[in-house]
Amino acid sequence: MDTVFIYILFLAAGFAIGGAYAMWKVNKLASGVLVALAVLAAVSGILRLI
């Protein structure tokens, strides 16, 4: 189950980065929030691996 959770964290980080890139010209604040969420998801995935 832990492996699936880590996979979901990295998948969410990827989707959030893609959404932030697509939203960059429309709304920079929402894009920044998505980048912050992506960084948190990626860091938590890395910490779960350790």
C-alpha atoms as a PDB file:
ATOM      1  CA  MET A   1       0.000   0.000   0.000  1.00  0.00           C
ATOM      2  CA  ASP A   2       2.904   2.306   0.720  1.00  0.00           C
ATOM      3  CA  THR A   3       4.179   1.926  -2.840  1.00  0.00           C
ATOM      4  CA  VAL A   4       0.813   2.948  -4.252  1.00  0.00           C
ATOM      5  CA  PHE A   5       0.735   6.014  -1.994  1.00  0.00           C
ATOM      6  CA  ILE A   6       4.208   7.090  -3.158  1.00  0.00           C
ATOM      7  CA  TYR A   7       3.163   6.565  -6.778  1.00  0.00           C
ATOM      8  CA  ILE A   8       0.056   8.701  -6.227  1.00  0.00           C
ATOM      9  CA  LEU A   9       2.166  11.469  -4.640  1.00  0.00           C
ATOM     10  CA  PHE A  10       4.530  11.622  -7.621  1.00  0.00           C
ATOM     11  CA  LEU A  11       1.597  11.441 -10.038  1.00  0.00           C
ATOM     12  CA  ALA A  12      -0.129  14.335  -8.244  1.00  0.00           C
ATOM     13  CA  ALA A  13       3.100  16.331  -8.358  1.00  0.00           C
ATOM     14  CA  GLY A  14       3.357  15.768 -12.100  1.00  0.00           C
ATOM     15  CA  PHE A  15      -0.235  16.799 -12.744  1.00  0.00           C
ATOM     16  CA  ALA A  16       0.166  19.887 -10.552  1.00  0.00           C
ATOM     17  CA  ILE A  17       3.308  20.981 -12.417  1.00  0.00           C
ATOM     18  CA  GLY A  18       1.534  20.470 -15.745  1.00  0.00           C
ATOM     19  CA  GLY A  19      -1.449  22.492 -14.559  1.00  0.00           C
ATOM     20  CA  ALA A  20       0.785  25.235 -13.214  1.00  0.00           C
ATOM     21  CA  TYR A  21       2.625  25.461 -16.535  1.00  0.00           C
ATOM     22  CA  ALA A  22      -0.657  25.646 -18.450  1.00  0.00           C
ATOM     23  CA  MET A  23      -2.087  28.256 -16.079  1.00  0.00           C
ATOM     24  CA  TRP A  24       1.014  30.486 -15.932  1.00  0.00           C
ATOM     25  CA  LYS A  25      -0.210  33.098 -18.447  1.00  0.00           C
ATOM     26  CA  VAL A  26      -3.800  33.114 -17.143  1.00  0.00           C
ATOM     27  CA  ASN A  27      -3.388  33.381 -13.382  1.00  0.00           C
ATOM     28  CA  LYS A  28       0.036  33.595 -11.762  1.00  0.00           C
ATOM     29  CA  LEU A  29      -1.296  33.276  -8.194  1.00  0.00           C
ATOM     30  CA  ALA A  30      -3.092  29.995  -8.862  1.00  0.00           C
ATOM     31  CA  SER A  31      -0.068  28.788 -10.777  1.00  0.00           C
ATOM     32  CA  GLY A  32       2.141  29.545  -7.785  1.00  0.00           C
ATOM     33  CA  VAL A  33      -0.207  27.640  -5.497  1.00  0.00           C
ATOM     34  CA  LEU A  34      -0.074  24.632  -7.821  1.00  0.00           C
ATOM     35  CA  VAL A  35       3.729  24.772  -7.888  1.00  0.00           C
ATOM     36  CA  ALA A  36       3.809  24.866  -4.087  1.00  0.00           C
ATOM     37  CA  LEU A  37       1.491  21.848  -3.903  1.00  0.00           C
ATOM     38  CA  ALA A  38       3.617  20.005  -6.451  1.00  0.00           C
ATOM     39  CA  VAL A  39       6.783  20.667  -4.477  1.00  0.00           C
ATOM     40  CA  LEU A  40       5.117  19.473  -1.267  1.00  0.00           C
ATOM     41  CA  ALA A  41       3.847  16.306  -2.968  1.00  0.00           C
ATOM     42  CA  ALA A  42       7.259  15.560  -4.474  1.00  0.00           C
ATOM     43  CA  VAL A  43       9.089  16.169  -1.188  1.00  0.00           C
ATOM     44  CA  SER A  44       6.658  13.990   0.740  1.00  0.00           C
ATOM     45  CA  GLY A  45       7.077  11.236  -1.858  1.00  0.00           C
ATOM     46  CA  ILE A  46      10.854  11.427  -1.523  1.00  0.00           C
ATOM     47  CA  LEU A  47      10.644  11.401   2.270  1.00  0.00           C
ATOM     48  CA  ARG A  48       8.383   8.336   2.150  1.00  0.00           C
ATOM     49  CA  LEU A  49      11.034   6.557   0.061  1.00  0.00           C
ATOM     50  CA  ILE A  50      13.744   7.242   2.634  1.00  0.00           C
END
